[in-house]
Amino acid sequence: MDTTGTLDARHVSLEPWAEGDFWLLQRTNSPEMTEHLGGPETEEQLVARHRRYLVVEPGRMYRVTLARTGETVGSIGFWERTWRDTRVWETGWGVLPEFQGRGFAVRAARAVVEAARATRTHRYLHAFPGVGHAASNAVCRRAGFELLGPVDFEYPKGTWMTSNDWRVDLGRI
């Protein structure tokens, strides 16, 4: 992390989520972008999500930008959850359609692994893409996550789906 608080991973930067980033939630709230997440949220749900993203701890949300131009390509973050009776970090991301397929999500995922590791809070970072979401499962594989296997996962609240449990060991705490 540099002195401005920006994380850089070769071609992308992770910019801490800011008040002016609400537009990105609106852009990623399309049926295409939320197909594997239970569908679009209401405006009220987006406002509540934006407020949660502005809270720095525990974890952090980021706007993913191109390192050289500052152009926004998506979002990523990590947050606490209890998984199998243990406190862990969880991560999730979204890349805008016009930037998909170029490796930006993989680079952002590698950077968020380092951000989670730097907190020295939890030993593991998990991702839970749906088993049928080939692109997100490929991001996990290419970003160095270990596949632990399929699990029943509740998302959104009240909706169960079969997800893959991917994990990165962040090292001893």
C-alpha atoms as a PDB file:
ATOM      1  CA  MET A   1       0.000   0.000   0.000  1.00  0.00           C
ATOM      2  CA  ASP A   2       1.378   3.416  -0.853  1.00  0.00           C
ATOM      3  CA  THR A   3       1.043   6.589   1.223  1.00  0.00           C
ATOM      4  CA  THR A   4      -2.232   7.605  -0.476  1.00  0.00           C
ATOM      5  CA  GLY A   5      -4.018   4.437   0.685  1.00  0.00           C
ATOM      6  CA  THR A   6      -4.185   3.047  -2.856  1.00  0.00           C
ATOM      7  CA  LEU A   7      -3.326  -0.604  -3.474  1.00  0.00           C
ATOM      8  CA  ASP A   8      -1.745  -1.329  -6.880  1.00  0.00           C
ATOM      9  CA  ALA A   9      -1.515  -4.787  -8.480  1.00  0.00           C
ATOM     10  CA  ARG A  10       0.337  -4.457 -11.794  1.00  0.00           C
ATOM     11  CA  HIS A  11      -2.523  -3.101 -13.913  1.00  0.00           C
ATOM     12  CA  VAL A  12      -5.295  -2.313 -11.433  1.00  0.00           C
ATOM     13  CA  SER A  13      -5.576  -0.210  -8.321  1.00  0.00           C
ATOM     14  CA  LEU A  14      -7.927  -0.702  -5.403  1.00  0.00           C
ATOM     15  CA  GLU A  15      -9.347   2.651  -4.337  1.00  0.00           C
ATOM     16  CA  PRO A  16     -11.116   2.711  -0.951  1.00  0.00           C
ATOM     17  CA  TRP A  17     -14.887   3.020  -1.426  1.00  0.00           C
ATOM     18  CA  ALA A  18     -15.997   6.664  -1.250  1.00  0.00           C
ATOM     19  CA  GLU A  19     -19.226   8.647  -1.047  1.00  0.00           C
ATOM     20  CA  GLY A  20     -19.140   9.347  -4.794  1.00  0.00           C
ATOM     21  CA  ASP A  21     -19.055   5.641  -5.729  1.00  0.00           C
ATOM     22  CA  PHE A  22     -22.814   5.039  -5.487  1.00  0.00           C
ATOM     23  CA  TRP A  23     -23.068   5.202  -9.294  1.00  0.00           C
ATOM     24  CA  LEU A  24     -21.008   1.997  -9.478  1.00  0.00           C
ATOM     25  CA  LEU A  25     -23.542   0.116  -7.355  1.00  0.00           C
ATOM     26  CA  GLN A  26     -26.250   1.349  -9.702  1.00  0.00           C
ATOM     27  CA  ARG A  27     -24.271   0.180 -12.766  1.00  0.00           C
ATOM     28  CA  THR A  28     -23.661  -3.276 -11.301  1.00  0.00           C
ATOM     29  CA  ASN A  29     -27.306  -3.711 -10.279  1.00  0.00           C
ATOM     30  CA  SER A  30     -28.393  -4.954 -13.711  1.00  0.00           C
ATOM     31  CA  PRO A  31     -29.962  -8.382 -14.318  1.00  0.00           C
ATOM     32  CA  GLU A  32     -26.798  -9.355 -16.233  1.00  0.00           C
ATOM     33  CA  MET A  33     -24.500  -8.428 -13.328  1.00  0.00           C
ATOM     34  CA  THR A  34     -26.693  -9.929 -10.585  1.00  0.00           C
ATOM     35  CA  GLU A  35     -27.734 -13.146 -12.336  1.00  0.00           C
ATOM     36  CA  HIS A  36     -25.694 -15.279  -9.906  1.00  0.00           C
ATOM     37  CA  LEU A  37     -26.583 -13.154  -6.863  1.00  0.00           C
ATOM     38  CA  GLY A  38     -30.349 -13.402  -6.719  1.00  0.00           C
ATOM     39  CA  GLY A  39     -31.149 -10.526  -9.104  1.00  0.00           C
ATOM     40  CA  PRO A  40     -31.166  -6.723  -8.850  1.00  0.00           C
ATOM     41  CA  GLU A  41     -31.722  -4.948  -5.545  1.00  0.00           C
ATOM     42  CA  THR A  42     -34.163  -2.125  -4.879  1.00  0.00           C
ATOM     43  CA  GLU A  43     -32.923   1.452  -4.671  1.00  0.00           C
ATOM     44  CA  GLU A  44     -33.333   1.311  -0.871  1.00  0.00           C
ATOM     45  CA  GLN A  45     -31.209  -1.833  -0.708  1.00  0.00           C
ATOM     46  CA  LEU A  46     -28.527  -0.153  -2.838  1.00  0.00           C
ATOM     47  CA  VAL A  47     -28.454   2.886  -0.555  1.00  0.00           C
ATOM     48  CA  ALA A  48     -28.075   0.616   2.496  1.00  0.00           C
ATOM     49  CA  ARG A  49     -25.296  -1.352   0.753  1.00  0.00           C
ATOM     50  CA  HIS A  50     -23.492   1.892  -0.140  1.00  0.00           C
ATOM     51  CA  ARG A  51     -23.638   3.006   3.516  1.00  0.00           C
ATOM     52  CA  ARG A  52     -22.166  -0.349   4.634  1.00  0.00           C
ATOM     53  CA  TYR A  53     -19.397  -0.032   2.038  1.00  0.00           C
ATOM     54  CA  LEU A  54     -18.421   3.373   3.452  1.00  0.00           C
ATOM     55  CA  VAL A  55     -17.700   1.853   6.871  1.00  0.00           C
ATOM     56  CA  VAL A  56     -14.003   1.010   6.980  1.00  0.00           C
ATOM     57  CA  GLU A  57     -13.929  -1.865   9.482  1.00  0.00           C
ATOM     58  CA  PRO A  58     -14.112  -4.752   9.747  1.00  0.00           C
ATOM     59  CA  GLY A  59     -12.864  -5.258   6.212  1.00  0.00           C
ATOM     60  CA  ARG A  60     -13.073  -2.821   3.343  1.00  0.00           C
ATOM     61  CA  MET A  61     -14.711  -2.288  -0.029  1.00  0.00           C
ATOM     62  CA  TYR A  62     -12.847  -0.907  -3.027  1.00  0.00           C
ATOM     63  CA  ARG A  63     -13.492   0.534  -6.438  1.00  0.00           C
ATOM     64  CA  VAL A  64     -11.243  -1.276  -8.940  1.00  0.00           C
ATOM     65  CA  THR A  65      -9.568   1.115 -11.356  1.00  0.00           C
ATOM     66  CA  LEU A  66      -7.046   0.882 -14.165  1.00  0.00           C
ATOM     67  CA  ALA A  67      -3.740   1.815 -12.572  1.00  0.00           C
ATOM     68  CA  ARG A  68      -2.607   4.110 -15.385  1.00  0.00           C
ATOM     69  CA  THR A  69      -5.829   5.921 -16.277  1.00  0.00           C
ATOM     70  CA  GLY A  70      -7.953   5.731 -13.140  1.00  0.00           C
ATOM     71  CA  GLU A  71     -10.899   4.417 -15.180  1.00  0.00           C
ATOM     72  CA  THR A  72     -13.269   2.349 -13.010  1.00  0.00           C
ATOM     73  CA  VAL A  73     -13.645  -1.296 -14.037  1.00  0.00           C
ATOM     74  CA  GLY A  74     -15.547  -2.735 -11.041  1.00  0.00           C
ATOM     75  CA  SER A  75     -15.559  -3.314  -7.298  1.00  0.00           C
ATOM     76  CA  ILE A  76     -14.138  -5.793  -4.805  1.00  0.00           C
ATOM     77  CA  GLY A  77     -13.893  -6.079  -1.058  1.00  0.00           C
ATOM     78  CA  PHE A  78     -13.564  -8.279   1.968  1.00  0.00           C
ATOM     79  CA  TRP A  79     -15.648  -8.513   5.127  1.00  0.00           C
ATOM     80  CA  GLU A  80     -16.009 -10.685   8.206  1.00  0.00           C
ATOM     81  CA  ARG A  81     -18.303 -13.658   8.469  1.00  0.00           C
ATOM     82  CA  THR A  82     -18.560 -16.759  10.591  1.00  0.00           C
ATOM     83  CA  TRP A  83     -17.937 -19.860   8.531  1.00  0.00           C
ATOM     84  CA  ARG A  84     -18.054 -23.275  10.138  1.00  0.00           C
ATOM     85  CA  ASP A  85     -17.763 -21.805  13.631  1.00  0.00           C
ATOM     86  CA  THR A  86     -14.693 -19.704  12.737  1.00  0.00           C
ATOM     87  CA  ARG A  87     -14.362 -15.986  12.001  1.00  0.00           C
ATOM     88  CA  VAL A  88     -12.945 -15.547   8.489  1.00  0.00           C
ATOM     89  CA  TRP A  89     -12.749 -12.949   5.752  1.00  0.00           C
ATOM     90  CA  GLU A  90     -15.049 -13.332   2.765  1.00  0.00           C
ATOM     91  CA  THR A  91     -14.497 -11.635  -0.591  1.00  0.00           C
ATOM     92  CA  GLY A  92     -16.634 -10.849  -3.596  1.00  0.00           C
ATOM     93  CA  TRP A  93     -16.258  -8.753  -6.750  1.00  0.00           C
ATOM     94  CA  GLY A  94     -17.967  -7.478  -9.854  1.00  0.00           C
ATOM     95  CA  VAL A  95     -16.395  -6.258 -13.087  1.00  0.00           C
ATOM     96  CA  LEU A  96     -18.387  -4.065 -15.451  1.00  0.00           C
ATOM     97  CA  PRO A  97     -19.399  -5.920 -18.646  1.00  0.00           C
ATOM     98  CA  GLU A  98     -17.218  -3.847 -20.954  1.00  0.00           C
ATOM     99  CA  PHE A  99     -14.114  -4.821 -18.925  1.00  0.00           C
ATOM    100  CA  GLN A 100     -14.825  -8.524 -18.389  1.00  0.00           C
ATOM    101  CA  GLY A 101     -12.528 -11.189 -19.797  1.00  0.00           C
ATOM    102  CA  ARG A 102      -9.334  -9.130 -19.524  1.00  0.00           C
ATOM    103  CA  GLY A 103      -7.958 -10.447 -16.215  1.00  0.00           C
ATOM    104  CA  PHE A 104      -8.888  -7.398 -14.126  1.00  0.00           C
ATOM    105  CA  ALA A 105     -10.892  -9.466 -11.614  1.00  0.00           C
ATOM    106  CA  VAL A 106      -7.943 -11.827 -11.101  1.00  0.00           C
ATOM    107  CA  ARG A 107      -5.575  -8.923 -10.496  1.00  0.00           C
ATOM    108  CA  ALA A 108      -8.061  -7.284  -8.128  1.00  0.00           C
ATOM    109  CA  ALA A 109      -8.568 -10.583  -6.261  1.00  0.00           C
ATOM    110  CA  ARG A 110      -4.808 -10.952  -5.795  1.00  0.00           C
ATOM    111  CA  ALA A 111      -4.647  -7.386  -4.454  1.00  0.00           C
ATOM    112  CA  VAL A 112      -7.545  -7.957  -2.051  1.00  0.00           C
ATOM    113  CA  VAL A 113      -5.797 -11.092  -0.747  1.00  0.00           C
ATOM    114  CA  GLU A 114      -2.856  -8.869   0.162  1.00  0.00           C
ATOM    115  CA  ALA A 115      -5.134  -6.260   1.735  1.00  0.00           C
ATOM    116  CA  ALA A 116      -6.832  -8.927   3.889  1.00  0.00           C
ATOM    117  CA  ARG A 117      -3.453 -10.440   4.791  1.00  0.00           C
ATOM    118  CA  ALA A 118      -2.174  -6.998   5.864  1.00  0.00           C
ATOM    119  CA  THR A 119      -4.917  -6.714   8.510  1.00  0.00           C
ATOM    120  CA  ARG A 120      -3.385  -9.686  10.358  1.00  0.00           C
ATOM    121  CA  THR A 121      -6.891 -10.409  11.683  1.00  0.00           C
ATOM    122  CA  HIS A 122      -8.042 -13.743  10.241  1.00  0.00           C
ATOM    123  CA  ARG A 123      -6.108 -16.663   8.846  1.00  0.00           C
ATOM    124  CA  TYR A 124      -8.402 -17.388   5.893  1.00  0.00           C
ATOM    125  CA  LEU A 125     -10.082 -15.490   3.077  1.00  0.00           C
ATOM    126  CA  HIS A 126     -12.978 -17.312   1.387  1.00  0.00           C
ATOM    127  CA  ALA A 127     -14.943 -16.747  -1.814  1.00  0.00           C
ATOM    128  CA  PHE A 128     -18.248 -18.486  -2.525  1.00  0.00           C
ATOM    129  CA  PRO A 129     -19.159 -18.243  -6.235  1.00  0.00           C
ATOM    130  CA  GLY A 130     -22.074 -20.340  -7.407  1.00  0.00           C
ATOM    131  CA  VAL A 131     -20.979 -23.673  -8.862  1.00  0.00           C
ATOM    132  CA  GLY A 132     -22.425 -22.632 -12.232  1.00  0.00           C
ATOM    133  CA  HIS A 133     -20.624 -19.288 -12.348  1.00  0.00           C
ATOM    134  CA  ALA A 134     -17.670 -20.336 -14.500  1.00  0.00           C
ATOM    135  CA  ALA A 135     -16.082 -16.875 -14.690  1.00  0.00           C
ATOM    136  CA  SER A 136     -15.935 -16.281 -10.921  1.00  0.00           C
ATOM    137  CA  ASN A 137     -14.689 -19.811 -10.281  1.00  0.00           C
ATOM    138  CA  ALA A 138     -11.942 -19.190 -12.850  1.00  0.00           C
ATOM    139  CA  VAL A 139     -11.011 -15.941 -11.051  1.00  0.00           C
ATOM    140  CA  CYS A 140     -10.599 -17.881  -7.805  1.00  0.00           C
ATOM    141  CA  ARG A 141      -8.435 -20.528  -9.461  1.00  0.00           C
ATOM    142  CA  ARG A 142      -6.237 -17.997 -11.271  1.00  0.00           C
ATOM    143  CA  ALA A 143      -5.910 -15.776  -8.180  1.00  0.00           C
ATOM    144  CA  GLY A 144      -4.465 -18.650  -6.125  1.00  0.00           C
ATOM    145  CA  PHE A 145      -7.475 -19.757  -4.077  1.00  0.00           C
ATOM    146  CA  GLU A 146      -7.749 -23.437  -3.120  1.00  0.00           C
ATOM    147  CA  LEU A 147     -11.018 -25.195  -3.995  1.00  0.00           C
ATOM    148  CA  LEU A 148     -12.452 -26.885  -0.914  1.00  0.00           C
ATOM    149  CA  GLY A 149     -15.592 -28.096  -2.694  1.00  0.00           C
ATOM    150  CA  PRO A 150     -19.299 -27.375  -3.070  1.00  0.00           C
ATOM    151  CA  VAL A 151     -21.337 -26.101  -0.115  1.00  0.00           C
ATOM    152  CA  ASP A 152     -24.886 -24.952   0.544  1.00  0.00           C
ATOM    153  CA  PHE A 153     -24.682 -21.187   0.884  1.00  0.00           C
ATOM    154  CA  GLU A 154     -27.321 -18.610   1.813  1.00  0.00           C
ATOM    155  CA  TYR A 155     -27.296 -15.559  -0.466  1.00  0.00           C
ATOM    156  CA  PRO A 156     -29.178 -13.386  -0.496  1.00  0.00           C
ATOM    157  CA  LYS A 157     -30.631 -13.942   2.957  1.00  0.00           C
ATOM    158  CA  GLY A 158     -33.391 -16.512   2.756  1.00  0.00           C
ATOM    159  CA  THR A 159     -32.175 -17.996  -0.546  1.00  0.00           C
ATOM    160  CA  TRP A 160     -30.009 -21.103  -0.625  1.00  0.00           C
ATOM    161  CA  MET A 161     -27.687 -21.948  -3.497  1.00  0.00           C
ATOM    162  CA  THR A 162     -24.867 -24.382  -4.164  1.00  0.00           C
ATOM    163  CA  SER A 163     -21.558 -22.526  -4.158  1.00  0.00           C
ATOM    164  CA  ASN A 164     -17.952 -23.530  -4.340  1.00  0.00           C
ATOM    165  CA  ASP A 165     -15.928 -22.780  -1.227  1.00  0.00           C
ATOM    166  CA  TRP A 166     -12.578 -21.311  -2.324  1.00  0.00           C
ATOM    167  CA  ARG A 167      -9.998 -20.360   0.315  1.00  0.00           C
ATOM    168  CA  VAL A 168      -6.656 -18.596   0.615  1.00  0.00           C
ATOM    169  CA  ASP A 169      -4.461 -19.176   3.662  1.00  0.00           C
ATOM    170  CA  LEU A 170      -3.307 -15.713   4.747  1.00  0.00           C
ATOM    171  CA  GLY A 171      -0.698 -17.151   7.104  1.00  0.00           C
ATOM    172  CA  ARG A 172      -0.436 -17.415  10.832  1.00  0.00           C
ATOM    173  CA  ILE A 173      -2.044 -14.650  12.838  1.00  0.00           C
END
